[in-house]
């Protein structure tokens, strides 16, 4: 990604990306039971999709290999990007480790109307025993602009953590030599 890349609401000539702030540290030990909010969202999702997306819009070069590498790096740095939801012997929902499952990543050429393909991707369910509960989508418009979206199951994140993660991924795609920040949770 070139330094000239502009994201939504950025003005030319102004910095386009800031370093993401590291999240509050907390440890993750898997397997563990879902907390009440995570379980609530899991059950609601079976009635109506509770998935959400965070997006970044840009123009210009966005190296696909660098983006894939940044997604893989994010999975290594964030334990819940290497986890899924399953059930234990008592049929209770639990987070389980899925260390070898890469994040789904799709690239679509959309033309100017990228919102409909994104909306269709957002309602695709995350099934029990699937991992991770985040997918990445790159939508290439025909005018040289692009959209990168992370689609989350709401049990796996919220808007704030999603925006922080997407910013981190884009920084790492733009600067692969950027030092890793430890993320215990």
N, C-alpha and C. Protein backbone atom coordinates (compact mmCIF):
# COMPACT_ATOMS: atom_id res chain seq x y z
N UNK A 1 0.86 -1.15 0.00
CA UNK A 1 0.00 0.00 0.00
C UNK A 1 0.91 1.21 0.00
N UNK A 2 0.61 2.15 -0.83
CA UNK A 2 1.45 3.34 -0.91
C UNK A 2 1.06 4.33 0.18
N UNK A 3 1.99 5.22 0.57
CA UNK A 3 1.64 6.21 1.58
C UNK A 3 0.56 7.16 1.12
N UNK A 4 0.32 7.21 -0.19
CA UNK A 4 -0.71 8.12 -0.71
C UNK A 4 -2.12 7.57 -0.55
N UNK A 5 -2.26 6.35 -0.09
CA UNK A 5 -3.57 5.74 0.06
C UNK A 5 -4.42 6.57 1.01
N UNK A 6 -5.66 6.81 0.65
CA UNK A 6 -6.57 7.60 1.48
C UNK A 6 -7.72 6.73 1.94
N UNK A 7 -8.04 6.81 3.20
CA UNK A 7 -9.16 6.08 3.75
C UNK A 7 -10.34 7.03 3.88
N UNK A 8 -11.53 6.47 4.07
CA UNK A 8 -12.73 7.28 4.20
C UNK A 8 -12.51 8.37 5.23
N UNK A 9 -12.96 9.58 4.93
CA UNK A 9 -12.91 10.75 5.81
C UNK A 9 -11.51 11.32 6.01
N UNK A 10 -10.52 10.87 5.25
CA UNK A 10 -9.19 11.46 5.33
C UNK A 10 -9.04 12.47 4.21
N UNK A 11 -8.30 13.51 4.47
CA UNK A 11 -8.07 14.53 3.47
C UNK A 11 -6.70 14.33 2.87
N UNK A 12 -6.55 14.57 1.55
CA UNK A 12 -5.23 14.46 0.95
C UNK A 12 -4.24 15.36 1.68
N UNK A 13 -3.01 14.88 1.79
CA UNK A 13 -1.99 15.67 2.44
C UNK A 13 -1.91 15.48 3.94
N UNK A 14 -2.89 14.83 4.52
CA UNK A 14 -2.89 14.55 5.96
C UNK A 14 -2.50 13.09 6.16
N UNK A 15 -1.94 12.74 7.31
CA UNK A 15 -1.59 11.33 7.54
C UNK A 15 -2.83 10.46 7.41
N UNK A 16 -2.65 9.30 6.80
CA UNK A 16 -3.81 8.45 6.55
C UNK A 16 -3.94 7.31 7.54
N UNK A 17 -2.86 6.94 8.23
CA UNK A 17 -2.95 5.86 9.19
C UNK A 17 -2.14 6.22 10.42
N UNK A 18 -2.66 5.92 11.54
CA UNK A 18 -1.93 6.05 12.79
C UNK A 18 -1.64 4.67 13.32
N UNK A 19 -0.64 4.57 14.15
CA UNK A 19 -0.34 3.30 14.79
C UNK A 19 -1.54 2.90 15.64
N UNK A 20 -2.00 1.66 15.56
CA UNK A 20 -3.09 1.25 16.45
C UNK A 20 -2.57 1.19 17.88
N UNK A 21 -3.44 1.55 18.80
CA UNK A 21 -3.08 1.48 20.21
C UNK A 21 -3.23 0.05 20.68
N UNK A 22 -2.26 -0.47 21.43
CA UNK A 22 -2.41 -1.86 21.90
C UNK A 22 -3.58 -1.99 22.85
N UNK A 23 -4.34 -3.08 22.73
CA UNK A 23 -5.48 -3.29 23.62
C UNK A 23 -5.01 -3.59 25.04
N UNK A 24 -5.93 -3.48 25.97
CA UNK A 24 -5.63 -3.83 27.35
C UNK A 24 -5.25 -5.31 27.38
N UNK A 25 -4.18 -5.61 28.09
CA UNK A 25 -3.71 -6.98 28.15
C UNK A 25 -4.58 -7.82 29.08
N UNK A 26 -4.93 -9.00 28.63
CA UNK A 26 -5.58 -9.99 29.47
C UNK A 26 -5.25 -11.36 28.89
N UNK A 27 -5.21 -12.34 29.71
CA UNK A 27 -4.80 -13.65 29.23
C UNK A 27 -6.00 -14.43 28.70
N UNK A 28 -5.70 -15.32 27.77
CA UNK A 28 -6.72 -16.18 27.18
C UNK A 28 -6.26 -17.61 27.37
N UNK A 29 -7.12 -18.39 27.96
CA UNK A 29 -6.85 -19.80 28.14
C UNK A 29 -8.00 -20.58 27.51
N UNK A 30 -7.68 -21.43 26.56
CA UNK A 30 -8.70 -22.20 25.86
C UNK A 30 -8.50 -23.67 26.14
N UNK A 31 -9.53 -24.47 26.24
CA UNK A 31 -10.94 -24.08 26.12
C UNK A 31 -11.43 -23.34 27.36
N UNK A 32 -12.44 -22.51 27.13
CA UNK A 32 -13.14 -21.85 28.22
C UNK A 32 -14.58 -21.65 27.82
N UNK A 33 -15.46 -21.60 28.83
CA UNK A 33 -16.88 -21.37 28.54
C UNK A 33 -17.09 -19.97 28.01
N UNK A 34 -18.10 -19.82 27.16
CA UNK A 34 -18.46 -18.48 26.70
C UNK A 34 -19.03 -17.72 27.87
N UNK A 35 -18.72 -16.43 27.94
CA UNK A 35 -19.35 -15.62 28.98
C UNK A 35 -20.80 -15.37 28.57
N UNK A 36 -21.63 -14.85 29.46
CA UNK A 36 -23.06 -14.68 29.12
C UNK A 36 -23.31 -13.84 27.88
N UNK A 37 -22.56 -12.78 27.67
CA UNK A 37 -22.78 -11.94 26.48
C UNK A 37 -22.40 -12.70 25.21
N UNK A 38 -21.28 -13.41 25.22
CA UNK A 38 -20.87 -14.19 24.05
C UNK A 38 -21.92 -15.25 23.72
N UNK A 39 -22.40 -15.95 24.73
CA UNK A 39 -23.42 -16.98 24.51
C UNK A 39 -24.72 -16.36 24.00
N UNK A 40 -25.10 -15.21 24.53
CA UNK A 40 -26.31 -14.51 24.10
C UNK A 40 -26.23 -14.21 22.60
N UNK A 41 -25.10 -13.64 22.16
CA UNK A 41 -24.94 -13.33 20.74
C UNK A 41 -24.92 -14.60 19.90
N UNK A 42 -24.32 -15.67 20.40
CA UNK A 42 -24.28 -16.93 19.65
C UNK A 42 -25.70 -17.44 19.40
N UNK A 43 -26.54 -17.42 20.45
CA UNK A 43 -27.91 -17.90 20.29
C UNK A 43 -28.75 -16.95 19.43
N UNK A 44 -28.60 -15.64 19.61
CA UNK A 44 -29.34 -14.70 18.76
C UNK A 44 -29.01 -14.89 17.29
N UNK A 45 -27.76 -15.21 17.01
CA UNK A 45 -27.33 -15.37 15.63
C UNK A 45 -28.07 -16.50 14.93
N UNK A 46 -28.59 -17.44 15.67
CA UNK A 46 -29.32 -18.53 15.05
C UNK A 46 -30.76 -18.14 14.70
N UNK A 47 -31.19 -16.98 15.16
CA UNK A 47 -32.49 -16.44 14.80
C UNK A 47 -32.34 -15.41 13.68
N UNK A 48 -31.37 -14.52 13.85
CA UNK A 48 -31.09 -13.48 12.88
C UNK A 48 -29.61 -13.13 12.98
N UNK A 49 -28.96 -12.98 11.85
CA UNK A 49 -27.52 -12.77 11.84
C UNK A 49 -27.10 -11.61 12.73
N UNK A 50 -26.14 -11.88 13.60
CA UNK A 50 -25.58 -10.86 14.47
C UNK A 50 -24.18 -10.46 14.00
N UNK A 51 -23.79 -10.88 12.80
CA UNK A 51 -22.49 -10.53 12.28
C UNK A 51 -22.43 -9.03 12.01
N UNK A 52 -21.24 -8.49 12.07
CA UNK A 52 -21.05 -7.09 11.72
C UNK A 52 -19.74 -6.97 10.96
N UNK A 53 -19.55 -5.86 10.27
CA UNK A 53 -18.33 -5.64 9.51
C UNK A 53 -17.74 -4.30 9.86
N UNK A 54 -16.43 -4.24 9.82
CA UNK A 54 -15.69 -2.98 9.85
C UNK A 54 -15.01 -2.88 8.50
N UNK A 55 -14.94 -1.67 7.96
CA UNK A 55 -14.39 -1.51 6.61
C UNK A 55 -13.38 -0.37 6.58
N UNK A 56 -12.51 -0.45 5.60
CA UNK A 56 -11.62 0.64 5.23
C UNK A 56 -11.73 0.78 3.72
N UNK A 57 -11.87 2.01 3.27
CA UNK A 57 -11.92 2.28 1.85
C UNK A 57 -10.61 2.97 1.46
N UNK A 58 -10.12 2.64 0.29
CA UNK A 58 -8.89 3.26 -0.17
C UNK A 58 -8.83 3.32 -1.67
N UNK A 59 -7.78 3.97 -2.15
CA UNK A 59 -7.53 4.07 -3.58
C UNK A 59 -6.05 3.82 -3.81
N UNK A 60 -5.76 3.27 -4.96
CA UNK A 60 -4.36 3.03 -5.29
C UNK A 60 -3.96 1.60 -5.01
N UNK A 61 -2.67 1.42 -4.89
CA UNK A 61 -2.10 0.09 -4.74
C UNK A 61 -2.34 -0.46 -3.34
N UNK A 62 -2.84 -1.67 -3.29
CA UNK A 62 -2.94 -2.44 -2.05
C UNK A 62 -2.45 -3.83 -2.41
N UNK A 63 -1.24 -4.15 -1.98
CA UNK A 63 -0.61 -5.41 -2.33
C UNK A 63 -1.35 -6.56 -1.66
N UNK A 64 -1.89 -7.46 -2.49
CA UNK A 64 -2.70 -8.56 -1.97
C UNK A 64 -1.86 -9.54 -1.13
N UNK A 65 -0.64 -9.82 -1.56
CA UNK A 65 0.21 -10.72 -0.78
C UNK A 65 0.54 -10.12 0.59
N UNK A 66 0.80 -8.81 0.61
CA UNK A 66 1.08 -8.14 1.89
C UNK A 66 -0.15 -8.16 2.80
N UNK A 67 -1.34 -8.00 2.22
CA UNK A 67 -2.56 -8.05 3.01
C UNK A 67 -2.77 -9.46 3.58
N UNK A 68 -2.55 -10.48 2.76
CA UNK A 68 -2.67 -11.86 3.25
C UNK A 68 -1.67 -12.13 4.38
N UNK A 69 -0.46 -11.64 4.22
CA UNK A 69 0.56 -11.83 5.26
C UNK A 69 0.16 -11.09 6.54
N UNK A 70 -0.41 -9.92 6.41
CA UNK A 70 -0.85 -9.16 7.59
C UNK A 70 -2.01 -9.86 8.29
N UNK A 71 -2.90 -10.50 7.54
CA UNK A 71 -3.99 -11.28 8.14
C UNK A 71 -3.43 -12.46 8.91
N UNK A 72 -2.45 -13.16 8.30
CA UNK A 72 -1.83 -14.30 8.99
C UNK A 72 -1.10 -13.83 10.25
N UNK A 73 -0.44 -12.69 10.17
CA UNK A 73 0.26 -12.15 11.34
C UNK A 73 -0.74 -11.82 12.44
N UNK A 74 -1.86 -11.23 12.07
CA UNK A 74 -2.88 -10.90 13.07
C UNK A 74 -3.35 -12.16 13.78
N UNK A 75 -3.51 -13.25 13.03
CA UNK A 75 -3.93 -14.51 13.66
C UNK A 75 -2.89 -15.00 14.65
N UNK A 76 -1.63 -14.80 14.35
CA UNK A 76 -0.59 -15.24 15.27
C UNK A 76 -0.55 -14.37 16.53
N UNK A 77 -0.91 -13.10 16.39
CA UNK A 77 -0.82 -12.17 17.51
C UNK A 77 -2.08 -12.11 18.37
N UNK A 78 -3.21 -12.62 17.88
CA UNK A 78 -4.48 -12.52 18.60
C UNK A 78 -5.08 -13.92 18.78
N UNK A 79 -5.09 -14.45 19.99
CA UNK A 79 -5.57 -15.82 20.23
C UNK A 79 -6.99 -16.10 19.75
N UNK A 80 -7.91 -15.14 19.87
CA UNK A 80 -9.29 -15.43 19.44
C UNK A 80 -9.43 -15.51 17.92
N UNK A 81 -8.38 -15.10 17.19
CA UNK A 81 -8.39 -15.31 15.74
C UNK A 81 -7.90 -16.70 15.39
N UNK A 82 -7.59 -17.48 16.41
CA UNK A 82 -7.22 -18.89 16.25
C UNK A 82 -8.14 -19.76 17.09
N UNK A 83 -9.41 -19.35 17.21
CA UNK A 83 -10.35 -20.06 18.07
C UNK A 83 -11.72 -20.12 17.41
N UNK A 84 -12.51 -21.07 17.86
CA UNK A 84 -13.88 -21.21 17.41
C UNK A 84 -14.76 -21.57 18.59
N UNK A 85 -16.04 -21.72 18.32
CA UNK A 85 -16.99 -22.09 19.36
C UNK A 85 -17.46 -23.51 19.10
N UNK A 86 -17.45 -24.30 20.17
CA UNK A 86 -17.89 -25.70 20.11
C UNK A 86 -18.71 -25.96 21.37
N UNK A 87 -18.97 -27.21 21.65
CA UNK A 87 -19.66 -27.58 22.90
C UNK A 87 -18.80 -28.57 23.65
N UNK A 88 -18.95 -28.55 24.98
CA UNK A 88 -18.22 -29.51 25.81
C UNK A 88 -19.11 -30.73 26.08
N UNK A 89 -18.64 -31.61 26.94
CA UNK A 89 -19.38 -32.84 27.24
C UNK A 89 -20.75 -32.56 27.85
N UNK A 90 -20.89 -31.42 28.53
CA UNK A 90 -22.19 -31.04 29.12
C UNK A 90 -23.05 -30.24 28.14
N UNK A 91 -22.62 -30.17 26.88
CA UNK A 91 -23.33 -29.43 25.83
C UNK A 91 -23.38 -27.93 26.09
N UNK A 92 -22.40 -27.42 26.79
CA UNK A 92 -22.28 -25.97 27.00
C UNK A 92 -21.33 -25.41 25.95
N UNK A 93 -21.62 -24.18 25.54
CA UNK A 93 -20.78 -23.54 24.54
C UNK A 93 -19.43 -23.18 25.15
N UNK A 94 -18.38 -23.50 24.39
CA UNK A 94 -17.02 -23.18 24.83
C UNK A 94 -16.21 -22.66 23.65
N UNK A 95 -15.24 -21.80 23.96
CA UNK A 95 -14.22 -21.41 22.99
C UNK A 95 -13.20 -22.54 22.95
N UNK A 96 -12.78 -22.93 21.76
CA UNK A 96 -11.75 -23.95 21.60
C UNK A 96 -10.66 -23.43 20.67
N UNK A 97 -9.46 -23.90 20.91
CA UNK A 97 -8.34 -23.50 20.06
C UNK A 97 -8.46 -24.15 18.68
N UNK A 98 -8.10 -23.40 17.66
CA UNK A 98 -8.05 -23.89 16.28
C UNK A 98 -6.80 -23.27 15.64
N UNK A 99 -5.63 -23.67 16.13
CA UNK A 99 -4.40 -22.96 15.76
C UNK A 99 -4.00 -23.07 14.29
N UNK A 100 -4.48 -24.06 13.59
CA UNK A 100 -4.05 -24.27 12.21
C UNK A 100 -5.10 -23.89 11.17
N UNK A 101 -6.11 -23.15 11.59
CA UNK A 101 -7.19 -22.78 10.67
C UNK A 101 -7.00 -21.34 10.20
N UNK A 102 -6.65 -21.16 8.92
CA UNK A 102 -6.45 -19.79 8.45
C UNK A 102 -7.78 -19.03 8.34
N UNK A 103 -7.68 -17.72 8.47
CA UNK A 103 -8.85 -16.87 8.31
C UNK A 103 -9.30 -16.92 6.85
N UNK A 104 -10.61 -17.07 6.63
CA UNK A 104 -11.15 -17.00 5.27
C UNK A 104 -10.87 -15.62 4.71
N UNK A 105 -10.42 -15.59 3.46
CA UNK A 105 -10.13 -14.33 2.78
C UNK A 105 -10.60 -14.47 1.35
N UNK A 106 -11.45 -13.55 0.91
CA UNK A 106 -11.97 -13.58 -0.45
C UNK A 106 -11.72 -12.23 -1.10
N UNK A 107 -11.51 -12.26 -2.41
CA UNK A 107 -11.33 -11.05 -3.20
C UNK A 107 -12.42 -11.05 -4.26
N UNK A 108 -13.13 -9.93 -4.37
CA UNK A 108 -14.21 -9.82 -5.36
C UNK A 108 -14.05 -8.53 -6.15
N UNK A 109 -14.28 -8.60 -7.45
CA UNK A 109 -14.38 -7.41 -8.27
C UNK A 109 -15.84 -7.03 -8.31
N UNK A 110 -16.15 -5.82 -7.86
CA UNK A 110 -17.55 -5.46 -7.65
C UNK A 110 -18.08 -4.35 -8.55
N UNK A 111 -17.24 -3.61 -9.20
CA UNK A 111 -17.72 -2.41 -9.85
C UNK A 111 -17.99 -1.36 -8.77
N UNK A 112 -18.78 -0.36 -9.09
CA UNK A 112 -19.00 0.71 -8.11
C UNK A 112 -19.90 0.30 -6.93
N UNK A 113 -20.74 -0.72 -7.10
CA UNK A 113 -21.69 -1.14 -6.07
C UNK A 113 -21.12 -2.26 -5.21
N UNK A 114 -20.32 -1.92 -4.22
CA UNK A 114 -19.69 -2.92 -3.35
C UNK A 114 -20.53 -3.25 -2.12
N UNK A 115 -21.53 -2.42 -1.81
CA UNK A 115 -22.30 -2.63 -0.58
C UNK A 115 -23.13 -3.91 -0.61
N UNK A 116 -23.71 -4.25 -1.76
CA UNK A 116 -24.54 -5.46 -1.82
C UNK A 116 -23.72 -6.73 -1.61
N UNK A 117 -22.57 -6.89 -2.28
CA UNK A 117 -21.77 -8.09 -1.99
C UNK A 117 -21.32 -8.15 -0.53
N UNK A 118 -21.02 -7.01 0.07
CA UNK A 118 -20.64 -7.00 1.47
C UNK A 118 -21.82 -7.42 2.34
N UNK A 119 -22.99 -6.89 2.08
CA UNK A 119 -24.18 -7.26 2.86
C UNK A 119 -24.47 -8.76 2.73
N UNK A 120 -24.31 -9.31 1.53
CA UNK A 120 -24.54 -10.74 1.33
C UNK A 120 -23.51 -11.57 2.11
N UNK A 121 -22.27 -11.11 2.15
CA UNK A 121 -21.24 -11.84 2.90
C UNK A 121 -21.47 -11.75 4.40
N UNK A 122 -22.02 -10.63 4.86
CA UNK A 122 -22.25 -10.45 6.30
C UNK A 122 -23.28 -11.41 6.87
N UNK A 123 -24.24 -11.82 6.08
CA UNK A 123 -25.29 -12.68 6.63
C UNK A 123 -24.95 -14.17 6.52
N UNK A 124 -23.79 -14.49 5.96
CA UNK A 124 -23.36 -15.88 5.92
C UNK A 124 -23.03 -16.32 7.35
N UNK A 125 -23.61 -17.41 7.82
CA UNK A 125 -23.42 -17.78 9.23
C UNK A 125 -22.03 -18.33 9.52
N UNK A 126 -21.65 -18.22 10.76
CA UNK A 126 -20.50 -18.91 11.31
C UNK A 126 -21.08 -20.11 12.05
N UNK A 127 -20.76 -21.30 11.62
CA UNK A 127 -21.34 -22.50 12.18
C UNK A 127 -20.58 -22.96 13.42
N UNK A 128 -21.27 -23.73 14.25
CA UNK A 128 -20.65 -24.36 15.40
C UNK A 128 -19.46 -25.18 14.90
N UNK A 129 -18.36 -25.14 15.61
CA UNK A 129 -17.12 -25.83 15.29
C UNK A 129 -16.36 -25.22 14.12
N UNK A 130 -16.77 -24.04 13.65
CA UNK A 130 -15.97 -23.37 12.61
C UNK A 130 -15.06 -22.35 13.29
N UNK A 131 -13.96 -22.07 12.65
CA UNK A 131 -13.01 -21.12 13.20
C UNK A 131 -12.21 -20.50 12.05
N UNK A 132 -11.71 -19.32 12.26
CA UNK A 132 -12.07 -18.39 13.33
C UNK A 132 -13.40 -17.73 13.03
N UNK A 133 -13.89 -16.94 13.96
CA UNK A 133 -15.20 -16.30 13.80
C UNK A 133 -15.05 -14.89 13.23
N UNK A 134 -14.07 -14.75 12.35
CA UNK A 134 -13.80 -13.52 11.61
C UNK A 134 -13.41 -13.93 10.20
N UNK A 135 -13.94 -13.20 9.20
CA UNK A 135 -13.58 -13.42 7.80
C UNK A 135 -13.11 -12.10 7.22
N UNK A 136 -12.25 -12.18 6.23
CA UNK A 136 -11.77 -10.97 5.55
C UNK A 136 -12.26 -10.97 4.11
N UNK A 137 -12.57 -9.79 3.63
CA UNK A 137 -13.10 -9.63 2.28
C UNK A 137 -12.48 -8.38 1.67
N UNK A 138 -11.99 -8.52 0.46
CA UNK A 138 -11.48 -7.38 -0.29
C UNK A 138 -12.38 -7.19 -1.49
N UNK A 139 -12.91 -5.99 -1.64
CA UNK A 139 -13.81 -5.67 -2.74
C UNK A 139 -13.10 -4.65 -3.63
N UNK A 140 -12.80 -5.04 -4.85
CA UNK A 140 -12.12 -4.16 -5.81
C UNK A 140 -13.15 -3.50 -6.70
N UNK A 141 -13.19 -2.19 -6.64
CA UNK A 141 -14.09 -1.44 -7.52
C UNK A 141 -13.39 -1.21 -8.84
N UNK A 142 -14.15 -0.91 -9.88
CA UNK A 142 -13.55 -0.74 -11.20
C UNK A 142 -12.94 0.64 -11.41
N UNK A 143 -13.00 1.52 -10.42
CA UNK A 143 -12.42 2.86 -10.55
C UNK A 143 -11.08 2.99 -9.82
N UNK A 144 -10.46 1.85 -9.46
CA UNK A 144 -9.18 1.90 -8.77
C UNK A 144 -9.29 1.99 -7.26
N UNK A 145 -10.51 2.08 -6.75
CA UNK A 145 -10.72 2.10 -5.30
C UNK A 145 -10.96 0.68 -4.80
N UNK A 146 -10.75 0.48 -3.52
CA UNK A 146 -10.95 -0.82 -2.90
C UNK A 146 -11.58 -0.64 -1.53
N UNK A 147 -12.16 -1.72 -1.05
CA UNK A 147 -12.72 -1.78 0.29
C UNK A 147 -12.19 -3.07 0.91
N UNK A 148 -11.67 -2.96 2.13
CA UNK A 148 -11.28 -4.15 2.89
C UNK A 148 -12.24 -4.23 4.06
N UNK A 149 -12.83 -5.39 4.25
CA UNK A 149 -13.80 -5.59 5.33
C UNK A 149 -13.38 -6.78 6.18
N UNK A 150 -13.56 -6.65 7.46
CA UNK A 150 -13.48 -7.78 8.38
C UNK A 150 -14.89 -8.03 8.86
N UNK A 151 -15.38 -9.25 8.69
CA UNK A 151 -16.73 -9.62 9.11
C UNK A 151 -16.58 -10.49 10.35
N UNK A 152 -17.20 -10.05 11.43
CA UNK A 152 -17.10 -10.71 12.72
C UNK A 152 -18.41 -11.34 13.13
N UNK A 153 -18.34 -12.48 13.78
CA UNK A 153 -19.46 -12.94 14.58
C UNK A 153 -19.39 -12.09 15.84
N UNK A 154 -20.53 -11.63 16.33
CA UNK A 154 -20.52 -10.70 17.46
C UNK A 154 -20.00 -11.34 18.75
N UNK A 155 -19.93 -12.66 18.81
CA UNK A 155 -19.32 -13.30 19.98
C UNK A 155 -17.81 -13.08 20.00
N UNK A 156 -17.23 -12.79 18.83
CA UNK A 156 -15.78 -12.69 18.71
C UNK A 156 -15.25 -11.27 18.77
N UNK A 157 -16.11 -10.29 18.77
CA UNK A 157 -15.62 -8.92 18.80
C UNK A 157 -16.74 -7.92 18.81
N UNK A 158 -16.34 -6.66 18.88
CA UNK A 158 -17.28 -5.56 18.78
C UNK A 158 -16.69 -4.52 17.84
N UNK A 159 -17.41 -3.46 17.61
CA UNK A 159 -16.96 -2.45 16.66
C UNK A 159 -15.61 -1.85 17.00
N UNK A 160 -15.40 -1.57 18.27
CA UNK A 160 -14.13 -0.95 18.67
C UNK A 160 -12.95 -1.90 18.43
N UNK A 161 -13.08 -3.15 18.89
CA UNK A 161 -11.98 -4.09 18.68
C UNK A 161 -11.80 -4.40 17.20
N UNK A 162 -12.90 -4.43 16.45
CA UNK A 162 -12.81 -4.68 15.01
C UNK A 162 -12.08 -3.57 14.28
N UNK A 163 -12.38 -2.33 14.61
CA UNK A 163 -11.70 -1.20 13.98
C UNK A 163 -10.22 -1.20 14.32
N UNK A 164 -9.91 -1.49 15.57
CA UNK A 164 -8.51 -1.55 15.99
C UNK A 164 -7.77 -2.65 15.23
N UNK A 165 -8.39 -3.81 15.10
CA UNK A 165 -7.76 -4.92 14.39
C UNK A 165 -7.55 -4.58 12.92
N UNK A 166 -8.56 -4.01 12.27
CA UNK A 166 -8.42 -3.66 10.86
C UNK A 166 -7.31 -2.64 10.66
N UNK A 167 -7.22 -1.63 11.54
CA UNK A 167 -6.15 -0.65 11.44
C UNK A 167 -4.79 -1.32 11.58
N UNK A 168 -4.68 -2.24 12.52
CA UNK A 168 -3.42 -2.96 12.72
C UNK A 168 -3.06 -3.77 11.47
N UNK A 169 -4.03 -4.44 10.89
CA UNK A 169 -3.77 -5.25 9.68
C UNK A 169 -3.30 -4.36 8.53
N UNK A 170 -3.95 -3.22 8.36
CA UNK A 170 -3.56 -2.33 7.26
C UNK A 170 -2.18 -1.72 7.48
N UNK A 171 -1.86 -1.38 8.72
CA UNK A 171 -0.51 -0.88 9.02
C UNK A 171 0.51 -1.97 8.70
N UNK A 172 0.23 -3.20 9.12
CA UNK A 172 1.18 -4.29 8.87
C UNK A 172 1.27 -4.65 7.39
N UNK A 173 0.19 -4.46 6.63
CA UNK A 173 0.25 -4.69 5.19
C UNK A 173 1.10 -3.61 4.51
N UNK A 174 0.99 -2.39 5.00
CA UNK A 174 1.75 -1.28 4.43
C UNK A 174 3.22 -1.33 4.83
N UNK A 175 3.46 -1.82 6.05
CA UNK A 175 4.82 -1.86 6.58
C UNK A 175 5.07 -3.21 7.22
N UNK A 176 5.35 -4.24 6.41
CA UNK A 176 5.50 -5.60 6.95
C UNK A 176 6.62 -5.73 7.98
N UNK A 177 7.59 -4.81 7.97
CA UNK A 177 8.69 -4.87 8.92
C UNK A 177 8.35 -4.20 10.25
N UNK A 178 7.12 -3.70 10.38
CA UNK A 178 6.66 -3.05 11.61
C UNK A 178 6.77 -4.05 12.75
N UNK A 179 7.38 -3.66 13.88
CA UNK A 179 7.54 -4.64 14.98
C UNK A 179 6.20 -5.12 15.52
N UNK A 180 6.19 -6.37 15.89
CA UNK A 180 4.97 -6.96 16.46
C UNK A 180 4.72 -6.39 17.84
N UNK A 181 3.45 -6.20 18.15
CA UNK A 181 3.03 -5.79 19.48
C UNK A 181 2.39 -7.00 20.12
N UNK A 182 2.88 -7.41 21.28
CA UNK A 182 2.27 -8.59 21.92
C UNK A 182 0.81 -8.33 22.30
N UNK A 183 -0.03 -9.29 22.00
CA UNK A 183 -1.45 -9.21 22.30
C UNK A 183 -1.85 -10.50 23.01
N UNK A 184 -1.83 -10.51 24.32
CA UNK A 184 -2.18 -11.75 25.03
C UNK A 184 -3.65 -12.12 24.92
N UNK A 185 -4.52 -11.19 24.53
CA UNK A 185 -5.93 -11.51 24.46
C UNK A 185 -6.59 -10.97 23.27
